[in-house]
């Protein structure tokens, strides 16, 4: 059996922080960079469609779908509509129209 050398306390702390950071990055890839709020998911949709930060006017439940919200916002002279849905307690973007 191979025995690894014993690390000092500072080295163990650094090793554990690196491991936690790597696990956090892996977790973000697994959940597909989902957001914790509908607003966060809408902001990610804006970035994906190269739109600026808009002013969110209203967030309403979608009457046709369960766990889905419609976000209405304004950006410059445009009205933007985004659709976000809840999956496993995290919000993801579904569609974006301007």
PDB file of N, CA and C in Angstrom:
ATOM      1  N   UNK A   1       0.842  -1.168   0.000  1.00  0.00           N
ATOM      2  CA  UNK A   1       0.000   0.000   0.000  1.00  0.00           C
ATOM      3  C   UNK A   1       0.893   1.238   0.000  1.00  0.00           C
ATOM      4  N   UNK A   2       0.539   2.191  -0.814  1.00  0.00           N
ATOM      5  CA  UNK A   2       1.329   3.413  -0.923  1.00  0.00           C
ATOM      6  C   UNK A   2       0.884   4.394   0.154  1.00  0.00           C
ATOM      7  N   UNK A   3       1.841   4.902   0.875  1.00  0.00           N
ATOM      8  CA  UNK A   3       1.547   5.880   1.920  1.00  0.00           C
ATOM      9  C   UNK A   3       1.925   7.264   1.414  1.00  0.00           C
ATOM     10  N   UNK A   4       0.995   8.161   1.490  1.00  0.00           N
ATOM     11  CA  UNK A   4       1.259   9.537   1.087  1.00  0.00           C
ATOM     12  C   UNK A   4       1.904  10.282   2.244  1.00  0.00           C
ATOM     13  N   UNK A   5       2.756  11.242   1.937  1.00  0.00           N
ATOM     14  CA  UNK A   5       3.384  11.993   3.031  1.00  0.00           C
ATOM     15  C   UNK A   5       2.360  12.848   3.774  1.00  0.00           C
ATOM     16  N   UNK A   6       2.579  13.031   5.039  1.00  0.00           N
ATOM     17  CA  UNK A   6       1.686  13.847   5.859  1.00  0.00           C
ATOM     18  C   UNK A   6       1.922  15.315   5.544  1.00  0.00           C
ATOM     19  N   UNK A   7       0.829  16.040   5.315  1.00  0.00           N
ATOM     20  CA  UNK A   7       0.932  17.458   4.974  1.00  0.00           C
ATOM     21  C   UNK A   7       0.802  18.312   6.224  1.00  0.00           C
ATOM     22  N   UNK A   8       1.409  19.465   6.167  1.00  0.00           N
ATOM     23  CA  UNK A   8       1.255  20.426   7.256  1.00  0.00           C
ATOM     24  C   UNK A   8      -0.139  21.036   7.174  1.00  0.00           C
ATOM     25  N   UNK A   9      -0.527  21.705   8.239  1.00  0.00           N
ATOM     26  CA  UNK A   9      -1.881  22.258   8.319  1.00  0.00           C
ATOM     27  C   UNK A   9      -2.155  23.243   7.188  1.00  0.00           C
ATOM     28  N   UNK A  10      -1.256  24.143   6.912  1.00  0.00           N
ATOM     29  CA  UNK A  10      -1.447  25.136   5.849  1.00  0.00           C
ATOM     30  C   UNK A  10      -1.615  24.451   4.497  1.00  0.00           C
ATOM     31  N   UNK A  11      -0.835  23.423   4.240  1.00  0.00           N
ATOM     32  CA  UNK A  11      -0.929  22.713   2.968  1.00  0.00           C
ATOM     33  C   UNK A  11      -2.263  21.961   2.854  1.00  0.00           C
ATOM     34  N   UNK A  12      -2.744  21.403   3.957  1.00  0.00           N
ATOM     35  CA  UNK A  12      -4.042  20.729   3.942  1.00  0.00           C
ATOM     36  C   UNK A  12      -5.169  21.715   3.674  1.00  0.00           C
ATOM     37  N   UNK A  13      -5.100  22.898   4.281  1.00  0.00           N
ATOM     38  CA  UNK A  13      -6.124  23.914   4.063  1.00  0.00           C
ATOM     39  C   UNK A  13      -6.154  24.332   2.596  1.00  0.00           C
ATOM     40  N   UNK A  14      -4.999  24.569   2.014  1.00  0.00           N
ATOM     41  CA  UNK A  14      -4.924  24.965   0.600  1.00  0.00           C
ATOM     42  C   UNK A  14      -5.448  23.842  -0.291  1.00  0.00           C
ATOM     43  N   UNK A  15      -5.052  22.600   0.003  1.00  0.00           N
ATOM     44  CA  UNK A  15      -5.525  21.461  -0.780  1.00  0.00           C
ATOM     45  C   UNK A  15      -7.044  21.352  -0.710  1.00  0.00           C
ATOM     46  N   UNK A  16      -7.614  21.504   0.485  1.00  0.00           N
ATOM     47  CA  UNK A  16      -9.060  21.396   0.638  1.00  0.00           C
ATOM     48  C   UNK A  16      -9.799  22.531  -0.063  1.00  0.00           C
ATOM     49  N   UNK A  17      -9.257  23.747  -0.026  1.00  0.00           N
ATOM     50  CA  UNK A  17      -9.886  24.862  -0.736  1.00  0.00           C
ATOM     51  C   UNK A  17      -9.876  24.638  -2.246  1.00  0.00           C
ATOM     52  N   UNK A  18      -8.792  24.099  -2.770  1.00  0.00           N
ATOM     53  CA  UNK A  18      -8.716  23.806  -4.201  1.00  0.00           C
ATOM     54  C   UNK A  18      -9.734  22.731  -4.569  1.00  0.00           C
ATOM     55  N   UNK A  19      -9.863  21.709  -3.723  1.00  0.00           N
ATOM     56  CA  UNK A  19     -10.827  20.641  -3.992  1.00  0.00           C
ATOM     57  C   UNK A  19     -12.258  21.188  -3.979  1.00  0.00           C
ATOM     58  N   UNK A  20     -12.579  22.044  -3.015  1.00  0.00           N
ATOM     59  CA  UNK A  20     -13.921  22.637  -2.942  1.00  0.00           C
ATOM     60  C   UNK A  20     -14.193  23.503  -4.165  1.00  0.00           C
ATOM     61  N   UNK A  21     -13.213  24.283  -4.591  1.00  0.00           N
ATOM     62  CA  UNK A  21     -13.367  25.124  -5.777  1.00  0.00           C
ATOM     63  C   UNK A  21     -13.624  24.276  -7.017  1.00  0.00           C
ATOM     64  N   UNK A  22     -12.883  23.195  -7.187  1.00  0.00           N
ATOM     65  CA  UNK A  22     -13.077  22.323  -8.343  1.00  0.00           C
ATOM     66  C   UNK A  22     -14.441  21.632  -8.301  1.00  0.00           C
ATOM     67  N   UNK A  23     -14.874  21.212  -7.125  1.00  0.00           N
ATOM     68  CA  UNK A  23     -16.195  20.607  -7.009  1.00  0.00           C
ATOM     69  C   UNK A  23     -17.309  21.604  -7.311  1.00  0.00           C
ATOM     70  N   UNK A  24     -17.121  22.857  -6.926  1.00  0.00           N
ATOM     71  CA  UNK A  24     -18.106  23.893  -7.235  1.00  0.00           C
ATOM     72  C   UNK A  24     -18.211  24.116  -8.740  1.00  0.00           C
ATOM     73  N   UNK A  25     -17.099  24.140  -9.424  1.00  0.00           N
ATOM     74  CA  UNK A  25     -17.109  24.315 -10.884  1.00  0.00           C
ATOM     75  C   UNK A  25     -17.790  23.115 -11.553  1.00  0.00           C
ATOM     76  N   UNK A  26     -17.485  21.914 -11.090  1.00  0.00           N
ATOM     77  CA  UNK A  26     -18.122  20.726 -11.650  1.00  0.00           C
ATOM     78  C   UNK A  26     -19.630  20.761 -11.410  1.00  0.00           C
ATOM     79  N   UNK A  27     -20.052  21.190 -10.209  1.00  0.00           N
ATOM     80  CA  UNK A  27     -21.476  21.284  -9.899  1.00  0.00           C
ATOM     81  C   UNK A  27     -22.167  22.289 -10.821  1.00  0.00           C
ATOM     82  N   UNK A  28     -21.510  23.427 -11.104  1.00  0.00           N
ATOM     83  CA  UNK A  28     -22.105  24.418 -12.000  1.00  0.00           C
ATOM     84  C   UNK A  28     -22.302  23.843 -13.402  1.00  0.00           C
ATOM     85  N   UNK A  29     -21.363  23.023 -13.869  1.00  0.00           N
ATOM     86  CA  UNK A  29     -21.536  22.391 -15.171  1.00  0.00           C
ATOM     87  C   UNK A  29     -22.669  21.373 -15.141  1.00  0.00           C
ATOM     88  N   UNK A  30     -22.819  20.664 -14.050  1.00  0.00           N
ATOM     89  CA  UNK A  30     -23.865  19.648 -13.949  1.00  0.00           C
ATOM     90  C   UNK A  30     -25.246  20.288 -13.966  1.00  0.00           C
ATOM     91  N   UNK A  31     -25.425  21.410 -13.263  1.00  0.00           N
ATOM     92  CA  UNK A  31     -26.734  22.063 -13.239  1.00  0.00           C
ATOM     93  C   UNK A  31     -26.907  23.023 -14.414  1.00  0.00           C
ATOM     94  N   UNK A  32     -25.972  23.013 -15.337  1.00  0.00           N
ATOM     95  CA  UNK A  32     -26.060  23.804 -16.572  1.00  0.00           C
ATOM     96  C   UNK A  32     -26.170  25.300 -16.279  1.00  0.00           C
ATOM     97  N   UNK A  33     -25.411  25.754 -15.310  1.00  0.00           N
ATOM     98  CA  UNK A  33     -25.338  27.165 -14.945  1.00  0.00           C
ATOM     99  C   UNK A  33     -26.722  27.763 -14.701  1.00  0.00           C
ATOM    100  N   UNK A  34     -27.553  27.045 -14.009  1.00  0.00           N
ATOM    101  CA  UNK A  34     -28.898  27.518 -13.683  1.00  0.00           C
ATOM    102  C   UNK A  34     -28.825  28.590 -12.603  1.00  0.00           C
ATOM    103  N   UNK A  35     -29.914  29.319 -12.422  1.00  0.00           N
ATOM    104  CA  UNK A  35     -29.987  30.407 -11.453  1.00  0.00           C
ATOM    105  C   UNK A  35     -30.903  30.021 -10.300  1.00  0.00           C
ATOM    106  N   UNK A  36     -30.761  30.742  -9.202  1.00  0.00           N
ATOM    107  CA  UNK A  36     -31.585  30.483  -8.037  1.00  0.00           C
ATOM    108  C   UNK A  36     -32.886  31.275  -8.058  1.00  0.00           C
ATOM    109  N   UNK A  37     -32.988  32.302  -8.904  1.00  0.00           N
ATOM    110  CA  UNK A  37     -34.186  33.132  -8.983  1.00  0.00           C
ATOM    111  C   UNK A  37     -34.614  33.296 -10.445  1.00  0.00           C
ATOM    112  N   UNK A  38     -35.881  33.630 -10.692  1.00  0.00           N
ATOM    113  CA  UNK A  38     -36.307  33.897 -12.070  1.00  0.00           C
ATOM    114  C   UNK A  38     -35.589  35.110 -12.669  1.00  0.00           C
ATOM    115  N   UNK A  39     -35.295  36.106 -11.831  1.00  0.00           N
ATOM    116  CA  UNK A  39     -34.585  37.284 -12.322  1.00  0.00           C
ATOM    117  C   UNK A  39     -33.183  36.916 -12.811  1.00  0.00           C
ATOM    118  N   UNK A  40     -32.511  36.054 -12.078  1.00  0.00           N
ATOM    119  CA  UNK A  40     -31.177  35.619 -12.477  1.00  0.00           C
ATOM    120  C   UNK A  40     -31.199  34.854 -13.788  1.00  0.00           C
ATOM    121  N   UNK A  41     -32.203  34.001 -13.964  1.00  0.00           N
ATOM    122  CA  UNK A  41     -32.327  33.260 -15.221  1.00  0.00           C
ATOM    123  C   UNK A  41     -32.605  34.209 -16.380  1.00  0.00           C
ATOM    124  N   UNK A  42     -33.428  35.237 -16.135  1.00  0.00           N
ATOM    125  CA  UNK A  42     -33.705  36.216 -17.190  1.00  0.00           C
ATOM    126  C   UNK A  42     -32.447  37.009 -17.542  1.00  0.00           C
ATOM    127  N   UNK A  43     -31.646  37.360 -16.555  1.00  0.00           N
ATOM    128  CA  UNK A  43     -30.386  38.078 -16.832  1.00  0.00           C
ATOM    129  C   UNK A  43     -29.431  37.220 -17.658  1.00  0.00           C
ATOM    130  N   UNK A  44     -29.414  35.927 -17.392  1.00  0.00           N
ATOM    131  CA  UNK A  44     -28.583  35.029 -18.207  1.00  0.00           C
ATOM    132  C   UNK A  44     -29.099  34.970 -19.645  1.00  0.00           C
ATOM    133  N   UNK A  45     -30.429  34.976 -19.811  1.00  0.00           N
ATOM    134  CA  UNK A  45     -30.998  35.013 -21.163  1.00  0.00           C
ATOM    135  C   UNK A  45     -30.585  36.292 -21.885  1.00  0.00           C
ATOM    136  N   UNK A  46     -30.609  37.408 -21.178  1.00  0.00           N
ATOM    137  CA  UNK A  46     -30.195  38.675 -21.790  1.00  0.00           C
ATOM    138  C   UNK A  46     -28.754  38.603 -22.273  1.00  0.00           C
ATOM    139  N   UNK A  47     -27.890  38.074 -21.452  1.00  0.00           N
ATOM    140  CA  UNK A  47     -26.482  37.956 -21.851  1.00  0.00           C
ATOM    141  C   UNK A  47     -26.326  37.016 -23.037  1.00  0.00           C
ATOM    142  N   UNK A  48     -27.099  35.943 -23.068  1.00  0.00           N
ATOM    143  CA  UNK A  48     -27.005  34.993 -24.168  1.00  0.00           C
ATOM    144  C   UNK A  48     -27.440  35.617 -25.489  1.00  0.00           C
ATOM    145  N   UNK A  49     -28.418  36.520 -25.427  1.00  0.00           N
ATOM    146  CA  UNK A  49     -28.916  37.174 -26.633  1.00  0.00           C
ATOM    147  C   UNK A  49     -28.284  38.553 -26.844  1.00  0.00           C
ATOM    148  N   UNK A  50     -27.200  38.832 -26.133  1.00  0.00           N
ATOM    149  CA  UNK A  50     -26.422  40.074 -26.282  1.00  0.00           C
ATOM    150  C   UNK A  50     -27.279  41.315 -26.100  1.00  0.00           C
ATOM    151  N   UNK A  51     -28.131  41.277 -25.120  1.00  0.00           N
ATOM    152  CA  UNK A  51     -28.969  42.421 -24.788  1.00  0.00           C
ATOM    153  C   UNK A  51     -28.455  43.026 -23.487  1.00  0.00           C
ATOM    154  N   UNK A  52     -28.661  44.317 -23.333  1.00  0.00           N
ATOM    155  CA  UNK A  52     -28.174  44.990 -22.142  1.00  0.00           C
ATOM    156  C   UNK A  52     -29.028  44.727 -20.928  1.00  0.00           C
ATOM    157  N   UNK A  53     -28.618  45.227 -19.781  1.00  0.00           N
ATOM    158  CA  UNK A  53     -29.463  45.060 -18.591  1.00  0.00           C
ATOM    159  C   UNK A  53     -30.715  45.924 -18.721  1.00  0.00           C
ATOM    160  N   UNK A  54     -31.832  45.279 -18.711  1.00  0.00           N
ATOM    161  CA  UNK A  54     -33.098  45.983 -18.905  1.00  0.00           C
ATOM    162  C   UNK A  54     -33.793  46.188 -17.571  1.00  0.00           C
ATOM    163  N   UNK A  55     -34.844  46.957 -17.615  1.00  0.00           N
ATOM    164  CA  UNK A  55     -35.651  47.197 -16.423  1.00  0.00           C
ATOM    165  C   UNK A  55     -36.815  46.211 -16.431  1.00  0.00           C
ATOM    166  N   UNK A  56     -36.851  45.346 -15.441  1.00  0.00           N
ATOM    167  CA  UNK A  56     -37.900  44.342 -15.361  1.00  0.00           C
ATOM    168  C   UNK A  56     -39.181  45.014 -14.865  1.00  0.00           C
ATOM    169  N   UNK A  57     -40.230  44.875 -15.653  1.00  0.00           N
ATOM    170  CA  UNK A  57     -41.502  45.481 -15.302  1.00  0.00           C
ATOM    171  C   UNK A  57     -42.373  44.543 -14.475  1.00  0.00           C
ATOM    172  N   UNK A  58     -42.507  43.300 -14.928  1.00  0.00           N
ATOM    173  CA  UNK A  58     -43.397  42.370 -14.229  1.00  0.00           C
ATOM    174  C   UNK A  58     -42.922  40.938 -14.481  1.00  0.00           C
ATOM    175  N   UNK A  59     -43.155  40.090 -13.486  1.00  0.00           N
ATOM    176  CA  UNK A  59     -42.904  38.648 -13.604  1.00  0.00           C
ATOM    177  C   UNK A  59     -44.210  37.945 -13.239  1.00  0.00           C
ATOM    178  N   UNK A  60     -44.758  37.208 -14.179  1.00  0.00           N
ATOM    179  CA  UNK A  60     -46.051  36.543 -13.986  1.00  0.00           C
ATOM    180  C   UNK A  60     -45.931  35.046 -14.243  1.00  0.00           C
ATOM    181  N   UNK A  61     -46.814  34.275 -13.621  1.00  0.00           N
ATOM    182  CA  UNK A  61     -46.906  32.849 -13.915  1.00  0.00           C
ATOM    183  C   UNK A  61     -47.479  32.651 -15.304  1.00  0.00           C
ATOM    184  N   UNK A  62     -46.949  31.689 -16.021  1.00  0.00           N
ATOM    185  CA  UNK A  62     -47.477  31.350 -17.344  1.00  0.00           C
ATOM    186  C   UNK A  62     -48.724  30.488 -17.151  1.00  0.00           C
ATOM    187  N   UNK A  63     -49.867  30.919 -17.681  1.00  0.00           N
ATOM    188  CA  UNK A  63     -51.100  30.145 -17.455  1.00  0.00           C
ATOM    189  C   UNK A  63     -51.111  28.799 -18.183  1.00  0.00           C
ATOM    190  N   UNK A  64     -50.271  28.630 -19.204  1.00  0.00           N
ATOM    191  CA  UNK A  64     -50.292  27.401 -19.994  1.00  0.00           C
ATOM    192  C   UNK A  64     -49.376  26.311 -19.466  1.00  0.00           C
ATOM    193  N   UNK A  65     -48.368  26.679 -18.670  1.00  0.00           N
ATOM    194  CA  UNK A  65     -47.378  25.711 -18.223  1.00  0.00           C
ATOM    195  C   UNK A  65     -47.181  25.790 -16.710  1.00  0.00           C
ATOM    196  N   UNK A  66     -46.830  24.662 -16.110  1.00  0.00           N
ATOM    197  CA  UNK A  66     -46.564  24.575 -14.683  1.00  0.00           C
ATOM    198  C   UNK A  66     -45.094  24.917 -14.419  1.00  0.00           C
ATOM    199  N   UNK A  67     -44.803  25.642 -13.353  1.00  0.00           N
ATOM    200  CA  UNK A  67     -43.446  26.054 -12.966  1.00  0.00           C
ATOM    201  C   UNK A  67     -42.762  26.889 -14.047  1.00  0.00           C
ATOM    202  N   UNK A  68     -43.511  27.717 -14.731  1.00  0.00           N
ATOM    203  CA  UNK A  68     -42.958  28.586 -15.764  1.00  0.00           C
ATOM    204  C   UNK A  68     -43.424  30.010 -15.507  1.00  0.00           C
ATOM    205  N   UNK A  69     -42.524  30.961 -15.710  1.00  0.00           N
ATOM    206  CA  UNK A  69     -42.855  32.374 -15.526  1.00  0.00           C
ATOM    207  C   UNK A  69     -42.511  33.149 -16.794  1.00  0.00           C
ATOM    208  N   UNK A  70     -43.262  34.218 -17.011  1.00  0.00           N
ATOM    209  CA  UNK A  70     -43.014  35.134 -18.119  1.00  0.00           C
ATOM    210  C   UNK A  70     -42.505  36.443 -17.529  1.00  0.00           C
ATOM    211  N   UNK A  71     -41.387  36.922 -18.068  1.00  0.00           N
ATOM    212  CA  UNK A  71     -40.757  38.154 -17.581  1.00  0.00           C
ATOM    213  C   UNK A  71     -40.894  39.209 -18.672  1.00  0.00           C
ATOM    214  N   UNK A  72     -41.458  40.354 -18.315  1.00  0.00           N
ATOM    215  CA  UNK A  72     -41.638  41.471 -19.242  1.00  0.00           C
ATOM    216  C   UNK A  72     -40.715  42.599 -18.806  1.00  0.00           C
ATOM    217  N   UNK A  73     -39.914  43.127 -19.744  1.00  0.00           N
ATOM    218  CA  UNK A  73     -38.959  44.186 -19.403  1.00  0.00           C
ATOM    219  C   UNK A  73     -38.821  45.167 -20.560  1.00  0.00           C
ATOM    220  N   UNK A  74     -38.193  46.299 -20.278  1.00  0.00           N
ATOM    221  CA  UNK A  74     -37.916  47.297 -21.317  1.00  0.00           C
ATOM    222  C   UNK A  74     -36.416  47.537 -21.381  1.00  0.00           C
ATOM    223  N   UNK A  75     -35.925  47.702 -22.601  1.00  0.00           N
ATOM    224  CA  UNK A  75     -34.517  48.022 -22.839  1.00  0.00           C
ATOM    225  C   UNK A  75     -34.457  48.991 -24.011  1.00  0.00           C
ATOM    226  N   UNK A  76     -33.969  50.184 -23.759  1.00  0.00           N
ATOM    227  CA  UNK A  76     -33.943  51.269 -24.734  1.00  0.00           C
ATOM    228  C   UNK A  76     -35.348  51.482 -25.283  1.00  0.00           C
ATOM    229  N   UNK A  77     -35.577  51.271 -26.569  1.00  0.00           N
ATOM    230  CA  UNK A  77     -36.909  51.459 -27.161  1.00  0.00           C
ATOM    231  C   UNK A  77     -37.624  50.131 -27.398  1.00  0.00           C
ATOM    232  N   UNK A  78     -37.134  49.058 -26.814  1.00  0.00           N
ATOM    233  CA  UNK A  78     -37.688  47.730 -27.061  1.00  0.00           C
ATOM    234  C   UNK A  78     -38.393  47.185 -25.826  1.00  0.00           C
ATOM    235  N   UNK A  79     -39.354  46.340 -26.085  1.00  0.00           N
ATOM    236  CA  UNK A  79     -39.994  45.555 -25.024  1.00  0.00           C
ATOM    237  C   UNK A  79     -39.503  44.127 -25.193  1.00  0.00           C
ATOM    238  N   UNK A  80     -39.027  43.549 -24.106  1.00  0.00           N
ATOM    239  CA  UNK A  80     -38.475  42.204 -24.153  1.00  0.00           C
ATOM    240  C   UNK A  80     -39.339  41.266 -23.313  1.00  0.00           C
ATOM    241  N   UNK A  81     -39.538  40.061 -23.845  1.00  0.00           N
ATOM    242  CA  UNK A  81     -40.300  39.048 -23.145  1.00  0.00           C
ATOM    243  C   UNK A  81     -39.426  37.807 -23.030  1.00  0.00           C
ATOM    244  N   UNK A  82     -39.246  37.347 -21.805  1.00  0.00           N
ATOM    245  CA  UNK A  82     -38.465  36.138 -21.570  1.00  0.00           C
ATOM    246  C   UNK A  82     -39.294  35.102 -20.855  1.00  0.00           C
ATOM    247  N   UNK A  83     -38.994  33.853 -21.127  1.00  0.00           N
ATOM    248  CA  UNK A  83     -39.706  32.754 -20.492  1.00  0.00           C
ATOM    249  C   UNK A  83     -38.682  31.922 -19.726  1.00  0.00           C
ATOM    250  N   UNK A  84     -38.935  31.703 -18.441  1.00  0.00           N
ATOM    251  CA  UNK A  84     -38.032  30.912 -17.610  1.00  0.00           C
ATOM    252  C   UNK A  84     -38.841  29.805 -16.928  1.00  0.00           C
ATOM    253  N   UNK A  85     -38.198  28.688 -16.664  1.00  0.00           N
ATOM    254  CA  UNK A  85     -38.885  27.584 -16.009  1.00  0.00           C
ATOM    255  C   UNK A  85     -38.051  27.050 -14.856  1.00  0.00           C
ATOM    256  N   UNK A  86     -38.737  26.425 -13.923  1.00  0.00           N
ATOM    257  CA  UNK A  86     -38.109  25.901 -12.722  1.00  0.00           C
ATOM    258  C   UNK A  86     -37.875  24.404 -12.886  1.00  0.00           C
ATOM    259  N   UNK A  87     -36.622  24.008 -12.668  1.00  0.00           N
ATOM    260  CA  UNK A  87     -36.253  22.606 -12.780  1.00  0.00           C
ATOM    261  C   UNK A  87     -35.387  22.237 -11.580  1.00  0.00           C
ATOM    262  N   UNK A  88     -35.891  21.372 -10.729  1.00  0.00           N
ATOM    263  CA  UNK A  88     -35.146  20.928  -9.539  1.00  0.00           C
ATOM    264  C   UNK A  88     -34.697  22.101  -8.673  1.00  0.00           C
ATOM    265  N   UNK A  89     -35.594  22.997  -8.359  1.00  0.00           N
ATOM    266  CA  UNK A  89     -35.363  24.156  -7.495  1.00  0.00           C
ATOM    267  C   UNK A  89     -34.413  25.184  -8.105  1.00  0.00           C
ATOM    268  N   UNK A  90     -34.075  25.077  -9.374  1.00  0.00           N
ATOM    269  CA  UNK A  90     -33.227  26.057 -10.054  1.00  0.00           C
ATOM    270  C   UNK A  90     -33.951  26.546 -11.304  1.00  0.00           C
ATOM    271  N   UNK A  91     -33.722  27.801 -11.668  1.00  0.00           N
ATOM    272  CA  UNK A  91     -34.406  28.423 -12.805  1.00  0.00           C
ATOM    273  C   UNK A  91     -33.512  28.427 -14.030  1.00  0.00           C
ATOM    274  N   UNK A  92     -34.100  28.119 -15.184  1.00  0.00           N
ATOM    275  CA  UNK A  92     -33.385  28.105 -16.460  1.00  0.00           C
ATOM    276  C   UNK A  92     -34.178  28.897 -17.489  1.00  0.00           C
ATOM    277  N   UNK A  93     -33.480  29.470 -18.451  1.00  0.00           N
ATOM    278  CA  UNK A  93     -34.126  30.235 -19.501  1.00  0.00           C
ATOM    279  C   UNK A  93     -34.713  29.324 -20.567  1.00  0.00           C
ATOM    280  N   UNK A  94     -35.845  29.751 -21.112  1.00  0.00           N
ATOM    281  CA  UNK A  94     -36.536  28.944 -22.114  1.00  0.00           C
ATOM    282  C   UNK A  94     -36.617  29.668 -23.457  1.00  0.00           C
ATOM    283  N   UNK A  95     -36.931  30.952 -23.440  1.00  0.00           N
ATOM    284  CA  UNK A  95     -37.067  31.693 -24.687  1.00  0.00           C
ATOM    285  C   UNK A  95     -36.960  33.187 -24.415  1.00  0.00           C
ATOM    286  N   UNK A  96     -36.550  33.918 -25.450  1.00  0.00           N
ATOM    287  CA  UNK A  96     -36.347  35.357 -25.300  1.00  0.00           C
ATOM    288  C   UNK A  96     -36.784  36.024 -26.599  1.00  0.00           C
ATOM    289  N   UNK A  97     -37.662  37.017 -26.469  1.00  0.00           N
ATOM    290  CA  UNK A  97     -38.156  37.732 -27.640  1.00  0.00           C
ATOM    291  C   UNK A  97     -38.028  39.222 -27.406  1.00  0.00           C
ATOM    292  N   UNK A  98     -37.698  39.941 -28.452  1.00  0.00           N
ATOM    293  CA  UNK A  98     -37.528  41.386 -28.320  1.00  0.00           C
ATOM    294  C   UNK A  98     -38.380  42.094 -29.338  1.00  0.00           C
TER     295      UNK A  98
END
